[in-house]
Protein backbone atom coordinates (compact mmCIF):
# COMPACT_ATOMS: atom_id res chain seq x y z
CA MET A 1 25.58 -0.12 9.76
CA ALA A 2 22.86 -0.45 7.12
CA LEU A 3 20.96 2.69 6.24
CA LEU A 4 17.23 2.65 6.95
CA SER A 5 15.01 2.29 3.93
CA LEU A 6 11.21 2.36 4.02
CA SER A 7 8.72 1.61 1.29
CA LEU A 8 4.94 1.52 1.11
CA GLU A 9 3.09 -1.13 -0.81
CA GLU A 10 -0.64 -1.08 -1.43
CA GLN A 11 -2.23 -4.51 -1.20
CA ARG A 12 -5.89 -5.40 -1.58
CA GLU A 13 -6.00 -6.34 2.12
CA GLY A 14 -4.13 -3.27 3.41
CA LEU A 15 -1.03 -1.12 3.34
CA VAL A 16 2.38 -2.72 3.89
CA VAL A 17 5.24 -0.65 5.33
CA ARG A 18 8.51 -2.43 4.56
CA VAL A 19 11.38 -1.61 6.90
CA ARG A 20 14.90 -2.41 5.64
CA GLY A 21 18.25 -1.76 7.30
CA ASP A 22 18.85 -0.31 10.77
CA ALA A 23 15.76 0.99 12.56
CA THR A 24 17.69 2.57 15.41
CA ASP A 25 17.71 5.83 17.32
CA ARG A 26 19.81 7.40 14.55
CA SER A 27 17.13 6.78 11.95
CA LEU A 28 14.15 7.48 14.19
CA GLY A 29 13.30 10.78 12.47
CA LEU A 30 12.88 9.10 9.09
CA LEU A 31 10.85 6.24 10.59
CA ASN A 32 8.55 8.61 12.47
CA GLN A 33 8.07 10.81 9.42
CA GLU A 34 7.03 7.85 7.26
CA LEU A 35 4.75 6.38 9.92
CA GLU A 36 3.09 9.80 10.31
CA ARG A 37 2.35 9.81 6.59
CA VAL A 38 0.83 6.34 6.95
CA ALA A 39 -1.32 7.50 9.87
CA GLN A 40 -2.63 10.45 7.85
CA ARG A 41 -3.85 8.04 5.16
CA ARG A 42 -5.88 6.08 7.77
CA PRO A 43 -5.79 2.72 6.01
CA ARG A 44 -8.06 0.02 7.44
CA VAL A 45 -5.12 -2.40 7.87
CA VAL A 46 -1.40 -1.60 8.15
CA VAL A 47 1.28 -4.27 8.21
CA VAL A 48 4.70 -3.12 9.40
CA ASP A 49 7.14 -5.59 7.87
CA LEU A 50 10.22 -5.76 10.11
CA GLY A 51 11.63 -8.82 8.36
CA GLY A 52 14.20 -6.79 6.44
CA ALA A 53 15.48 -4.87 9.44
CA THR A 54 19.05 -5.59 10.44
CA ARG A 55 18.71 -3.87 13.83
CA ILE A 56 15.70 -2.55 15.74
CA SER A 57 15.87 -0.24 18.74
CA ASN A 58 13.28 0.05 21.49
CA ALA A 59 12.59 3.60 20.28
CA ALA A 60 11.75 2.27 16.80
CA LEU A 61 9.39 -0.27 18.35
CA GLY A 62 7.86 2.60 20.31
CA SER A 63 7.15 4.33 17.00
CA VAL A 64 5.24 1.27 15.81
CA LEU A 65 3.25 1.28 19.05
CA ALA A 66 2.49 4.98 18.57
CA LEU A 67 1.20 4.23 15.07
CA ARG A 68 -1.00 1.49 16.52
CA ASP A 69 -2.38 3.90 19.12
CA THR A 70 -3.04 6.65 16.58
CA LEU A 71 -4.70 4.39 14.03
CA GLY A 72 -6.57 2.46 16.70
CA ARG A 73 -8.57 5.60 17.39
CA ALA A 74 -9.53 5.57 13.70
CA ARG A 75 -10.55 1.90 13.99
CA SER A 76 -7.60 0.76 11.90
CA ASP A 77 -5.64 -2.40 12.63
CA VAL A 78 -1.82 -2.32 12.86
CA ARG A 79 -0.06 -5.66 12.53
CA VAL A 80 3.62 -6.58 12.56
CA ALA A 81 5.32 -9.18 10.36
CA VAL A 82 8.64 -10.35 11.79
CA GLY A 83 9.94 -12.85 9.24
CA THR A 84 13.68 -13.28 9.62
CA CYS A 85 16.07 -10.37 9.67
CA ALA A 86 18.14 -9.43 6.67
CA GLY A 87 21.15 -10.25 8.86
CA GLY A 88 19.59 -13.62 9.78
CA GLY A 89 18.45 -14.94 13.12
CA GLY A 90 15.00 -13.38 13.44
CA CYS A 91 16.05 -10.12 15.10
CA ALA A 92 12.55 -8.58 14.85
CA ARG A 93 11.02 -11.36 16.91
CA THR A 94 13.91 -11.11 19.39
CA ALA A 95 13.61 -7.32 19.66
CA LEU A 96 9.86 -7.57 20.33
CA SER A 97 10.43 -10.23 22.94
CA GLU A 98 13.23 -8.35 24.69
CA ALA A 99 11.17 -5.15 24.76
CA ASN A 100 8.30 -7.17 26.23
CA ILE A 101 5.74 -5.65 23.86
CA ASN A 102 4.66 -8.80 22.03
CA PRO A 103 1.29 -8.78 23.82
CA ALA A 104 0.70 -5.15 22.78
CA LEU A 105 0.97 -5.88 19.05
CA SER A 106 -0.56 -8.33 16.61
CA VAL A 107 2.56 -10.23 15.52
CA PHE A 108 2.73 -12.59 12.53
CA GLY A 109 5.53 -14.56 10.90
CA THR A 110 5.00 -13.23 7.38
CA VAL A 111 3.40 -10.29 5.61
CA GLU A 112 0.93 -12.67 3.96
CA GLU A 113 -0.20 -14.03 7.34
CA ALA A 114 -0.49 -10.51 8.73
CA LEU A 115 -2.61 -9.34 5.79
CA LYS A 116 -4.98 -12.25 6.34
CA GLY A 117 -5.17 -11.37 10.04
């Protein structure tokens, strides 16, 4: 099990939230706390980078959807970059597909593509 690590990176085009390690029910408190801090900042564009996640639970994806809902009211845009998982195999894309929430999120292959929109 890889511990969850989150970092924020200011880009000219928006704020990038990098998710590394296991984004599972066990680490949900940390994920929610960080996403709340992001929501309070009300950036125009937020990219949640799931490419470094080794595992992603449905609850963690629900937290991303909650961020989208919260910031959507502030006319902010939340986008997701899936890349390939740190463990290989593209687990972010698979998790989104299995949870059937792809249509609810703006999903991109890379952070760069997501920042461009």
